């Protein structure tokens, strides 16, 4: 019953994906506090997430026989994923703030803090992350739509092949 609900609820599935990847982000930060977010590290982290979005979209398109179902599903799953993921990233910033400030990829953020009128680094960081959240969620939703188009196209092809052999 739970898996059937997941198949028909991209919001719930996105919520769960966001929880898993957000928790993994917290664990990786706890284990490797000073490791920078290099392009390779980001690809290893986000690649599986994007793949999941495409896979879910392919299943939706296979069920409906329409690529648009895949695009819509990909965008909705990505939106829900990043809504939850961003909350957990904000938690990560607050839990590991002192450690993160020593990372090379945070030095630009630290310069911006020193140039700001803020007395509290924590308040500055929370505001910066909250201001950036809509753009991040929007970009993730667009990536989800693209992954949904790829997955939807593949799912529709598979649906057509199955119908042709039946």
N, C-alpha and C. Protein backbone atom coordinates (compact mmCIF):
# COMPACT_ATOMS: atom_id res chain seq x y z
N UNK A 1 0.82 -1.19 0.00
CA UNK A 1 0.00 0.00 0.00
C UNK A 1 0.87 1.26 0.00
N UNK A 2 1.96 1.26 0.78
CA UNK A 2 2.83 2.43 0.85
C UNK A 2 3.50 2.68 -0.49
N UNK A 3 3.97 1.60 -1.16
CA UNK A 3 4.63 1.79 -2.45
C UNK A 3 3.62 2.25 -3.50
N UNK A 4 2.38 1.82 -3.43
CA UNK A 4 1.36 2.28 -4.36
C UNK A 4 1.11 3.77 -4.17
N UNK A 5 1.10 4.21 -2.92
CA UNK A 5 0.89 5.63 -2.63
C UNK A 5 2.06 6.46 -3.17
N UNK A 6 3.28 5.92 -3.03
CA UNK A 6 4.45 6.62 -3.57
C UNK A 6 4.38 6.74 -5.08
N UNK A 7 3.90 5.70 -5.76
CA UNK A 7 3.80 5.74 -7.22
C UNK A 7 2.87 6.85 -7.71
N UNK A 8 1.89 7.20 -6.92
CA UNK A 8 0.90 8.18 -7.35
C UNK A 8 1.03 9.51 -6.61
N UNK A 9 2.07 9.68 -5.84
CA UNK A 9 2.25 10.92 -5.10
C UNK A 9 3.68 11.44 -5.26
N UNK A 10 3.93 12.22 -6.31
CA UNK A 10 5.27 12.75 -6.49
C UNK A 10 5.70 13.68 -5.34
N UNK A 11 4.73 14.36 -4.72
CA UNK A 11 5.08 15.22 -3.59
C UNK A 11 5.64 14.41 -2.42
N UNK A 12 4.97 13.31 -2.10
CA UNK A 12 5.42 12.46 -1.01
C UNK A 12 6.78 11.83 -1.34
N UNK A 13 6.93 11.38 -2.56
CA UNK A 13 8.21 10.79 -2.97
C UNK A 13 9.32 11.84 -2.90
N UNK A 14 9.05 13.04 -3.38
CA UNK A 14 10.04 14.12 -3.30
C UNK A 14 10.40 14.45 -1.86
N UNK A 15 9.40 14.45 -0.99
CA UNK A 15 9.62 14.68 0.43
C UNK A 15 10.60 13.64 0.99
N UNK A 16 10.38 12.38 0.66
CA UNK A 16 11.25 11.30 1.15
C UNK A 16 12.66 11.41 0.57
N UNK A 17 12.76 11.73 -0.72
CA UNK A 17 14.08 11.90 -1.34
C UNK A 17 14.81 13.06 -0.67
N UNK A 18 14.11 14.14 -0.40
CA UNK A 18 14.71 15.29 0.30
C UNK A 18 15.20 14.92 1.69
N UNK A 19 14.42 14.11 2.40
CA UNK A 19 14.84 13.66 3.73
C UNK A 19 16.11 12.81 3.65
N UNK A 20 16.14 11.89 2.70
CA UNK A 20 17.30 10.99 2.57
C UNK A 20 18.55 11.78 2.21
N UNK A 21 18.46 12.64 1.20
CA UNK A 21 19.63 13.39 0.77
C UNK A 21 20.02 14.46 1.79
N UNK A 22 19.05 15.04 2.45
CA UNK A 22 19.35 16.02 3.51
C UNK A 22 20.05 15.36 4.69
N UNK A 23 19.57 14.18 5.07
CA UNK A 23 20.22 13.44 6.16
C UNK A 23 21.63 13.02 5.76
N UNK A 24 21.79 12.58 4.51
CA UNK A 24 23.13 12.20 4.03
C UNK A 24 24.06 13.41 4.06
N UNK A 25 23.56 14.56 3.68
CA UNK A 25 24.36 15.79 3.71
C UNK A 25 24.81 16.11 5.13
N UNK A 26 23.92 15.92 6.09
CA UNK A 26 24.27 16.15 7.50
C UNK A 26 25.35 15.17 7.96
N UNK A 27 25.19 13.91 7.60
CA UNK A 27 26.17 12.89 8.01
C UNK A 27 27.52 13.15 7.36
N UNK A 28 27.54 13.46 6.05
CA UNK A 28 28.80 13.73 5.37
C UNK A 28 29.49 14.95 5.97
N UNK A 29 28.72 15.98 6.31
CA UNK A 29 29.31 17.16 6.93
C UNK A 29 29.87 16.82 8.30
N UNK A 30 29.19 16.00 9.05
CA UNK A 30 29.67 15.59 10.36
C UNK A 30 30.97 14.80 10.24
N UNK A 31 31.06 13.93 9.24
CA UNK A 31 32.25 13.10 9.07
C UNK A 31 33.41 13.85 8.42
N UNK A 32 33.10 14.73 7.46
CA UNK A 32 34.13 15.43 6.68
C UNK A 32 33.88 16.93 6.73
N UNK A 33 34.05 17.51 7.87
CA UNK A 33 33.65 18.91 8.11
C UNK A 33 34.37 19.92 7.24
N UNK A 34 35.61 19.69 6.91
CA UNK A 34 36.36 20.68 6.16
C UNK A 34 36.50 20.35 4.67
N UNK A 35 35.81 19.32 4.21
CA UNK A 35 35.89 18.97 2.79
C UNK A 35 35.08 19.96 1.96
N UNK A 36 35.74 20.54 0.95
CA UNK A 36 35.08 21.52 0.09
C UNK A 36 34.07 20.86 -0.83
N UNK A 37 33.13 21.65 -1.30
CA UNK A 37 32.16 21.18 -2.28
C UNK A 37 32.76 21.35 -3.68
N UNK A 38 33.67 20.45 -4.02
CA UNK A 38 34.30 20.49 -5.34
C UNK A 38 33.28 20.04 -6.39
N UNK A 39 33.53 20.35 -7.66
CA UNK A 39 32.60 19.90 -8.71
C UNK A 39 32.39 18.38 -8.70
N UNK A 40 33.45 17.62 -8.48
CA UNK A 40 33.32 16.16 -8.43
C UNK A 40 32.47 15.70 -7.26
N UNK A 41 32.67 16.31 -6.11
CA UNK A 41 31.88 15.95 -4.93
C UNK A 41 30.40 16.31 -5.14
N UNK A 42 30.16 17.46 -5.75
CA UNK A 42 28.77 17.86 -6.02
C UNK A 42 28.10 16.91 -7.01
N UNK A 43 28.85 16.49 -8.03
CA UNK A 43 28.29 15.55 -9.01
C UNK A 43 27.98 14.20 -8.37
N UNK A 44 28.88 13.73 -7.51
CA UNK A 44 28.64 12.46 -6.82
C UNK A 44 27.43 12.55 -5.90
N UNK A 45 27.18 13.73 -5.35
CA UNK A 45 26.06 13.89 -4.43
C UNK A 45 24.75 14.10 -5.19
N UNK A 46 24.73 15.04 -6.14
CA UNK A 46 23.48 15.39 -6.82
C UNK A 46 23.15 14.45 -7.98
N UNK A 47 24.13 13.78 -8.55
CA UNK A 47 23.88 12.86 -9.66
C UNK A 47 22.82 11.81 -9.34
N UNK A 48 22.96 11.09 -8.23
CA UNK A 48 21.93 10.10 -7.89
C UNK A 48 20.54 10.72 -7.66
N UNK A 49 20.52 11.93 -7.12
CA UNK A 49 19.24 12.61 -6.91
C UNK A 49 18.57 12.89 -8.26
N UNK A 50 19.34 13.41 -9.20
CA UNK A 50 18.80 13.70 -10.53
C UNK A 50 18.36 12.41 -11.22
N UNK A 51 19.14 11.35 -11.04
CA UNK A 51 18.77 10.06 -11.63
C UNK A 51 17.42 9.58 -11.07
N UNK A 52 17.22 9.73 -9.77
CA UNK A 52 15.94 9.33 -9.17
C UNK A 52 14.78 10.12 -9.76
N UNK A 53 14.99 11.42 -9.98
CA UNK A 53 13.94 12.23 -10.58
C UNK A 53 13.59 11.70 -11.97
N UNK A 54 14.61 11.36 -12.76
CA UNK A 54 14.37 10.83 -14.11
C UNK A 54 13.67 9.47 -14.05
N UNK A 55 14.07 8.64 -13.09
CA UNK A 55 13.46 7.32 -12.95
C UNK A 55 11.97 7.42 -12.59
N UNK A 56 11.66 8.28 -11.66
CA UNK A 56 10.26 8.49 -11.26
C UNK A 56 9.46 9.02 -12.45
N UNK A 57 10.05 9.94 -13.20
CA UNK A 57 9.38 10.50 -14.38
C UNK A 57 9.15 9.43 -15.44
N UNK A 58 10.13 8.55 -15.63
CA UNK A 58 9.99 7.47 -16.61
C UNK A 58 8.82 6.56 -16.24
N UNK A 59 8.71 6.25 -14.96
CA UNK A 59 7.59 5.41 -14.52
C UNK A 59 6.25 6.09 -14.76
N UNK A 60 6.19 7.38 -14.49
CA UNK A 60 4.94 8.12 -14.71
C UNK A 60 4.58 8.16 -16.19
N UNK A 61 5.57 8.39 -17.03
CA UNK A 61 5.31 8.44 -18.48
C UNK A 61 4.94 7.07 -19.02
N UNK A 62 5.56 6.03 -18.48
CA UNK A 62 5.23 4.68 -18.91
C UNK A 62 3.78 4.33 -18.57
N UNK A 63 3.34 4.75 -17.39
CA UNK A 63 1.95 4.49 -16.98
C UNK A 63 0.96 5.26 -17.85
N UNK A 64 1.28 6.53 -18.14
CA UNK A 64 0.32 7.36 -18.88
C UNK A 64 0.51 7.31 -20.39
N UNK A 65 1.73 6.96 -20.82
CA UNK A 65 2.03 6.97 -22.25
C UNK A 65 2.33 8.35 -22.79
N UNK A 66 2.52 9.35 -21.88
CA UNK A 66 2.76 10.74 -22.30
C UNK A 66 4.03 11.28 -21.66
N UNK A 67 4.85 11.95 -22.47
CA UNK A 67 6.08 12.58 -21.97
C UNK A 67 5.75 13.68 -20.97
N UNK A 68 4.66 14.40 -21.22
CA UNK A 68 4.27 15.49 -20.34
C UNK A 68 4.06 15.01 -18.90
N UNK A 69 3.59 13.81 -18.72
CA UNK A 69 3.45 13.25 -17.37
C UNK A 69 4.80 13.14 -16.70
N UNK A 70 5.81 12.74 -17.47
CA UNK A 70 7.16 12.65 -16.93
C UNK A 70 7.72 14.01 -16.56
N UNK A 71 7.51 15.00 -17.42
CA UNK A 71 8.00 16.36 -17.16
C UNK A 71 7.36 16.90 -15.89
N UNK A 72 6.06 16.77 -15.78
CA UNK A 72 5.34 17.27 -14.61
C UNK A 72 5.78 16.54 -13.35
N UNK A 73 5.87 15.23 -13.43
CA UNK A 73 6.29 14.44 -12.27
C UNK A 73 7.71 14.81 -11.85
N UNK A 74 8.62 14.94 -12.81
CA UNK A 74 9.99 15.32 -12.49
C UNK A 74 10.06 16.66 -11.78
N UNK A 75 9.31 17.64 -12.28
CA UNK A 75 9.32 18.97 -11.67
C UNK A 75 8.73 18.95 -10.25
N UNK A 76 7.64 18.21 -10.07
CA UNK A 76 6.99 18.16 -8.75
C UNK A 76 7.88 17.43 -7.74
N UNK A 77 8.47 16.31 -8.16
CA UNK A 77 9.36 15.57 -7.25
C UNK A 77 10.56 16.43 -6.87
N UNK A 78 11.13 17.14 -7.85
CA UNK A 78 12.28 18.00 -7.57
C UNK A 78 11.90 19.14 -6.63
N UNK A 79 10.74 19.75 -6.86
CA UNK A 79 10.27 20.83 -6.00
C UNK A 79 10.16 20.35 -4.55
N UNK A 80 9.49 19.23 -4.35
CA UNK A 80 9.32 18.70 -2.99
C UNK A 80 10.66 18.31 -2.39
N UNK A 81 11.53 17.69 -3.20
CA UNK A 81 12.85 17.30 -2.71
C UNK A 81 13.60 18.50 -2.17
N UNK A 82 13.63 19.58 -2.95
CA UNK A 82 14.43 20.73 -2.54
C UNK A 82 13.79 21.55 -1.44
N UNK A 83 12.48 21.52 -1.31
CA UNK A 83 11.85 22.19 -0.16
C UNK A 83 12.34 21.56 1.14
N UNK A 84 12.36 20.24 1.18
CA UNK A 84 12.81 19.53 2.38
C UNK A 84 14.33 19.63 2.51
N UNK A 85 15.03 19.43 1.41
CA UNK A 85 16.49 19.45 1.42
C UNK A 85 17.00 20.81 1.91
N UNK A 86 16.39 21.92 1.47
CA UNK A 86 16.85 23.24 1.90
C UNK A 86 16.66 23.45 3.40
N UNK A 87 15.60 22.91 3.96
CA UNK A 87 15.40 23.01 5.42
C UNK A 87 16.55 22.29 6.14
N UNK A 88 16.91 21.12 5.63
CA UNK A 88 17.99 20.36 6.26
C UNK A 88 19.36 21.00 6.00
N UNK A 89 19.53 21.69 4.89
CA UNK A 89 20.77 22.44 4.66
C UNK A 89 20.87 23.58 5.66
N UNK A 90 19.77 24.24 5.94
CA UNK A 90 19.75 25.30 6.94
C UNK A 90 20.10 24.74 8.32
N UNK A 91 19.59 23.57 8.63
CA UNK A 91 19.94 22.89 9.88
C UNK A 91 21.45 22.60 9.90
N UNK A 92 21.98 22.12 8.77
CA UNK A 92 23.42 21.83 8.65
C UNK A 92 24.24 23.08 8.94
N UNK A 93 23.85 24.21 8.37
CA UNK A 93 24.58 25.46 8.58
C UNK A 93 24.58 25.82 10.06
N UNK A 94 23.45 25.66 10.71
CA UNK A 94 23.37 26.02 12.13
C UNK A 94 24.11 25.04 13.04
N UNK A 95 24.08 23.76 12.70
CA UNK A 95 24.78 22.77 13.52
C UNK A 95 26.31 22.84 13.37
N UNK A 96 26.78 23.12 12.17
CA UNK A 96 28.21 23.05 11.88
C UNK A 96 28.80 24.41 11.49
N UNK A 97 28.18 25.49 11.93
CA UNK A 97 28.60 26.82 11.51
C UNK A 97 30.08 27.08 11.76
N UNK A 98 30.56 26.77 12.93
CA UNK A 98 31.98 27.05 13.24
C UNK A 98 32.92 26.25 12.36
N UNK A 99 32.57 25.02 12.06
CA UNK A 99 33.41 24.18 11.20
C UNK A 99 33.37 24.66 9.75
N UNK A 100 32.19 25.02 9.29
CA UNK A 100 32.03 25.40 7.88
C UNK A 100 32.78 26.69 7.55
N UNK A 101 32.94 27.57 8.50
CA UNK A 101 33.62 28.84 8.23
C UNK A 101 35.09 28.63 7.88
N UNK A 102 35.66 27.50 8.23
CA UNK A 102 37.05 27.20 7.91
C UNK A 102 37.24 26.60 6.53
N UNK A 103 36.17 26.30 5.84
CA UNK A 103 36.28 25.68 4.52
C UNK A 103 36.64 26.73 3.47
N UNK A 104 37.44 26.32 2.50
CA UNK A 104 37.87 27.24 1.44
C UNK A 104 36.68 27.74 0.62
N UNK A 105 35.67 26.88 0.42
CA UNK A 105 34.53 27.30 -0.41
C UNK A 105 33.59 28.26 0.33
N UNK A 106 33.85 28.53 1.58
CA UNK A 106 33.05 29.47 2.34
C UNK A 106 33.73 30.83 2.50
N UNK A 107 34.92 31.01 1.98
CA UNK A 107 35.66 32.24 2.24
C UNK A 107 34.98 33.47 1.62
N UNK A 108 34.36 33.32 0.47
CA UNK A 108 33.64 34.44 -0.12
C UNK A 108 32.46 34.84 0.78
N UNK A 109 31.77 33.85 1.33
CA UNK A 109 30.66 34.13 2.24
C UNK A 109 31.16 34.86 3.49
N UNK A 110 32.32 34.46 3.98
CA UNK A 110 32.89 35.11 5.17
C UNK A 110 33.27 36.56 4.86
N UNK A 111 33.80 36.83 3.67
CA UNK A 111 34.11 38.22 3.28
C UNK A 111 32.83 39.04 3.21
N UNK A 112 31.76 38.46 2.68
CA UNK A 112 30.49 39.16 2.61
C UNK A 112 29.94 39.45 4.01
N UNK A 113 30.14 38.51 4.94
CA UNK A 113 29.69 38.75 6.31
C UNK A 113 30.47 39.91 6.93
N UNK A 114 31.79 39.91 6.78
CA UNK A 114 32.61 40.97 7.37
C UNK A 114 32.27 42.34 6.78
N UNK A 115 31.84 42.37 5.52
CA UNK A 115 31.47 43.63 4.87
C UNK A 115 30.03 44.05 5.20
N UNK A 116 29.28 43.16 5.83
CA UNK A 116 27.88 43.46 6.12
C UNK A 116 27.76 44.23 7.42
N UNK A 117 26.55 44.62 7.73
CA UNK A 117 26.25 45.35 8.96
C UNK A 117 25.88 44.41 10.11
N UNK A 118 25.93 43.09 9.85
CA UNK A 118 25.50 42.11 10.84
C UNK A 118 26.55 41.93 11.93
N UNK A 119 26.07 41.77 13.17
CA UNK A 119 26.95 41.42 14.28
C UNK A 119 27.03 39.91 14.46
N UNK A 120 25.99 39.22 14.03
CA UNK A 120 25.89 37.77 14.24
C UNK A 120 26.10 37.03 12.92
N UNK A 121 27.11 36.17 12.90
CA UNK A 121 27.35 35.34 11.73
C UNK A 121 26.17 34.40 11.49
N UNK A 122 25.63 33.85 12.57
CA UNK A 122 24.50 32.92 12.44
C UNK A 122 23.29 33.60 11.81
N UNK A 123 22.96 34.80 12.26
CA UNK A 123 21.83 35.53 11.68
C UNK A 123 22.09 35.85 10.21
N UNK A 124 23.31 36.27 9.89
CA UNK A 124 23.67 36.57 8.51
C UNK A 124 23.51 35.33 7.63
N UNK A 125 24.04 34.21 8.08
CA UNK A 125 23.98 32.98 7.29
C UNK A 125 22.54 32.51 7.11
N UNK A 126 21.76 32.55 8.18
CA UNK A 126 20.36 32.13 8.06
C UNK A 126 19.62 33.01 7.05
N UNK A 127 19.83 34.31 7.11
CA UNK A 127 19.16 35.21 6.18
C UNK A 127 19.63 34.95 4.75
N UNK A 128 20.93 34.74 4.56
CA UNK A 128 21.46 34.46 3.22
C UNK A 128 20.87 33.17 2.65
N UNK A 129 20.80 32.14 3.47
CA UNK A 129 20.25 30.87 2.99
C UNK A 129 18.75 30.98 2.73
N UNK A 130 18.03 31.70 3.56
CA UNK A 130 16.60 31.88 3.33
C UNK A 130 16.33 32.71 2.08
N UNK A 131 17.15 33.75 1.85
CA UNK A 131 16.97 34.57 0.64
C UNK A 131 17.28 33.75 -0.62
N UNK A 132 18.22 32.83 -0.54
CA UNK A 132 18.59 32.04 -1.70
C UNK A 132 17.70 30.84 -1.96
N UNK A 133 16.88 30.48 -0.98
CA UNK A 133 16.05 29.27 -1.11
C UNK A 133 15.10 29.30 -2.30
N UNK A 134 14.36 30.38 -2.55
CA UNK A 134 13.44 30.34 -3.71
C UNK A 134 14.17 30.09 -5.04
N UNK A 135 15.32 30.71 -5.23
CA UNK A 135 16.07 30.48 -6.46
C UNK A 135 16.54 29.04 -6.56
N UNK A 136 17.06 28.51 -5.46
CA UNK A 136 17.53 27.11 -5.47
C UNK A 136 16.37 26.15 -5.75
N UNK A 137 15.25 26.37 -5.14
CA UNK A 137 14.08 25.50 -5.36
C UNK A 137 13.59 25.65 -6.80
N UNK A 138 13.61 26.86 -7.33
CA UNK A 138 13.21 27.08 -8.71
C UNK A 138 14.14 26.40 -9.70
N UNK A 139 15.44 26.53 -9.48
CA UNK A 139 16.42 25.89 -10.37
C UNK A 139 16.28 24.37 -10.27
N UNK A 140 16.13 23.86 -9.06
CA UNK A 140 15.96 22.41 -8.88
C UNK A 140 14.70 21.93 -9.59
N UNK A 141 13.63 22.70 -9.54
CA UNK A 141 12.38 22.32 -10.22
C UNK A 141 12.59 22.31 -11.73
N UNK A 142 13.35 23.27 -12.25
CA UNK A 142 13.65 23.29 -13.69
C UNK A 142 14.51 22.08 -14.07
N UNK A 143 15.51 21.76 -13.25
CA UNK A 143 16.33 20.56 -13.50
C UNK A 143 15.45 19.33 -13.43
N UNK A 144 14.53 19.31 -12.48
CA UNK A 144 13.59 18.18 -12.38
C UNK A 144 12.73 18.05 -13.62
N UNK A 145 12.31 19.18 -14.20
CA UNK A 145 11.51 19.13 -15.43
C UNK A 145 12.35 18.58 -16.58
N UNK A 146 13.62 18.98 -16.65
CA UNK A 146 14.50 18.46 -17.70
C UNK A 146 14.73 16.97 -17.51
N UNK A 147 15.03 16.57 -16.28
CA UNK A 147 15.21 15.14 -16.00
C UNK A 147 13.90 14.40 -16.25
N UNK A 148 12.77 15.07 -15.97
CA UNK A 148 11.47 14.48 -16.25
C UNK A 148 11.23 14.29 -17.73
N UNK A 149 11.73 15.24 -18.54
CA UNK A 149 11.59 15.10 -20.00
C UNK A 149 12.42 13.91 -20.50
N UNK A 150 13.64 13.80 -19.99
CA UNK A 150 14.50 12.67 -20.38
C UNK A 150 13.86 11.35 -19.94
N UNK A 151 13.50 11.28 -18.66
CA UNK A 151 12.87 10.08 -18.15
C UNK A 151 11.53 9.81 -18.81
N UNK A 152 10.76 10.89 -19.06
CA UNK A 152 9.46 10.73 -19.71
C UNK A 152 9.58 10.20 -21.12
N UNK A 153 10.58 10.69 -21.85
CA UNK A 153 10.81 10.20 -23.21
C UNK A 153 11.17 8.71 -23.19
N UNK A 154 12.07 8.33 -22.28
CA UNK A 154 12.46 6.92 -22.18
C UNK A 154 11.30 6.05 -21.71
N UNK A 155 10.52 6.56 -20.76
CA UNK A 155 9.36 5.81 -20.28
C UNK A 155 8.30 5.64 -21.35
N UNK A 156 8.11 6.67 -22.18
CA UNK A 156 7.13 6.57 -23.26
C UNK A 156 7.61 5.56 -24.31
N UNK A 157 8.91 5.58 -24.61
CA UNK A 157 9.45 4.59 -25.56
C UNK A 157 9.20 3.17 -25.05
N UNK A 158 9.46 2.96 -23.79
CA UNK A 158 9.26 1.63 -23.21
C UNK A 158 7.78 1.26 -23.23
N UNK A 159 6.92 2.25 -22.98
CA UNK A 159 5.47 1.99 -23.01
C UNK A 159 5.02 1.60 -24.42
N UNK A 160 5.57 2.28 -25.42
CA UNK A 160 5.21 1.95 -26.81
C UNK A 160 5.72 0.57 -27.21
N UNK A 161 6.94 0.23 -26.78
CA UNK A 161 7.48 -1.10 -27.09
C UNK A 161 6.65 -2.19 -26.46
N UNK A 162 6.24 -1.96 -25.21
CA UNK A 162 5.42 -2.97 -24.53
C UNK A 162 4.07 -3.12 -25.22
N UNK A 163 3.50 -2.01 -25.70
CA UNK A 163 2.21 -2.08 -26.39
C UNK A 163 2.35 -2.76 -27.75
N UNK A 164 3.49 -2.55 -28.40
CA UNK A 164 3.70 -3.15 -29.72
C UNK A 164 3.90 -4.66 -29.65
N UNK A 165 4.48 -5.15 -28.56
CA UNK A 165 4.73 -6.59 -28.40
C UNK A 165 3.52 -7.32 -27.82
N UNK A 166 2.57 -6.57 -27.30
CA UNK A 166 1.41 -7.22 -26.68
C UNK A 166 0.38 -7.66 -27.66
